[in-house]
């Protein structure tokens, strides 16, 4: 399993986190998504490396701004 960290802006509530989680979970290979709304941080666990463009598309489909990759260390 591989962990990926991303920064997402525009999230402000649990519903925002749920929207991002649903879109990213739909990507092939994704097994778990953890969203920290106040930090704008999303940690994704997947069976294999994810294409950054795919994650960006999922975040934008959820209605938020993909900022980029993030460190997995809080």
Protein backbone atom coordinates (compact mmCIF):
# COMPACT_ATOMS: atom_id res chain seq x y z
CA UNK A 1 0.00 0.00 0.00
CA UNK A 2 1.21 3.50 -0.86
CA UNK A 3 0.30 6.70 1.01
CA UNK A 4 -0.07 9.99 -0.84
CA UNK A 5 -0.52 13.44 0.70
CA UNK A 6 -2.27 16.35 -1.01
CA UNK A 7 -3.25 19.91 -0.17
CA UNK A 8 -6.78 21.01 -1.08
CA UNK A 9 -8.25 24.48 -0.54
CA UNK A 10 -11.83 25.61 -0.19
CA UNK A 11 -13.03 22.94 2.25
CA UNK A 12 -14.83 24.25 5.33
CA UNK A 13 -17.01 21.46 6.75
CA UNK A 14 -17.74 17.77 7.03
CA UNK A 15 -19.82 17.83 3.86
CA UNK A 16 -16.80 19.19 1.99
CA UNK A 17 -14.68 16.34 3.35
CA UNK A 18 -17.32 13.81 2.32
CA UNK A 19 -17.47 15.18 -1.23
CA UNK A 20 -13.69 15.00 -1.63
CA UNK A 21 -13.61 11.52 -0.09
CA UNK A 22 -16.32 10.21 -2.44
CA UNK A 23 -14.59 11.52 -5.57
CA UNK A 24 -11.11 10.29 -4.63
CA UNK A 25 -12.41 6.91 -3.43
CA UNK A 26 -13.84 6.36 -6.92
CA UNK A 27 -10.31 6.36 -8.39
CA UNK A 28 -8.95 2.89 -9.22
CA UNK A 29 -6.75 1.43 -6.49
CA UNK A 30 -7.79 3.81 -3.70
CA UNK A 31 -8.47 1.96 -0.45
CA UNK A 32 -8.78 4.78 2.10
CA UNK A 33 -9.08 8.58 2.23
CA UNK A 34 -8.54 10.75 5.32
CA UNK A 35 -9.44 14.44 5.11
CA UNK A 36 -8.28 17.08 7.61
CA UNK A 37 -10.55 20.01 6.75
CA UNK A 38 -8.88 22.72 8.91
CA UNK A 39 -5.43 21.84 7.55
CA UNK A 40 -6.65 21.36 3.97
CA UNK A 41 -4.81 18.06 3.95
CA UNK A 42 -5.90 14.83 2.29
CA UNK A 43 -4.09 11.52 2.84
CA UNK A 44 -4.88 8.78 0.35
CA UNK A 45 -3.92 5.13 0.68
CA UNK A 46 -3.87 3.17 -2.54
CA UNK A 47 -2.73 -0.16 -3.92
CA UNK A 48 -0.40 1.64 -6.35
CA UNK A 49 0.94 5.10 -7.19
CA UNK A 50 -1.79 7.50 -8.30
CA UNK A 51 -1.47 9.88 -11.22
CA UNK A 52 -1.50 13.44 -9.89
CA UNK A 53 -3.80 14.51 -12.74
CA UNK A 54 -6.37 11.92 -11.66
CA UNK A 55 -6.36 13.21 -8.08
CA UNK A 56 -6.56 16.82 -9.30
CA UNK A 57 -9.57 15.91 -11.45
CA UNK A 58 -11.33 14.18 -8.54
CA UNK A 59 -10.77 17.16 -6.23
CA UNK A 60 -12.00 19.60 -8.87
CA UNK A 61 -15.03 17.39 -9.60
CA UNK A 62 -15.87 17.67 -5.89
CA UNK A 63 -15.79 21.46 -6.29
CA UNK A 64 -12.50 22.31 -4.58
CA UNK A 65 -9.05 23.53 -5.56
CA UNK A 66 -6.17 21.08 -5.81
CA UNK A 67 -3.07 22.89 -4.53
CA UNK A 68 -0.51 20.10 -4.87
CA UNK A 69 1.23 17.25 -3.13
CA UNK A 70 1.83 17.51 0.61
CA UNK A 71 4.16 15.95 3.10
CA UNK A 72 2.75 12.99 4.99
CA UNK A 73 4.32 14.37 8.16
CA UNK A 74 1.82 16.70 9.88
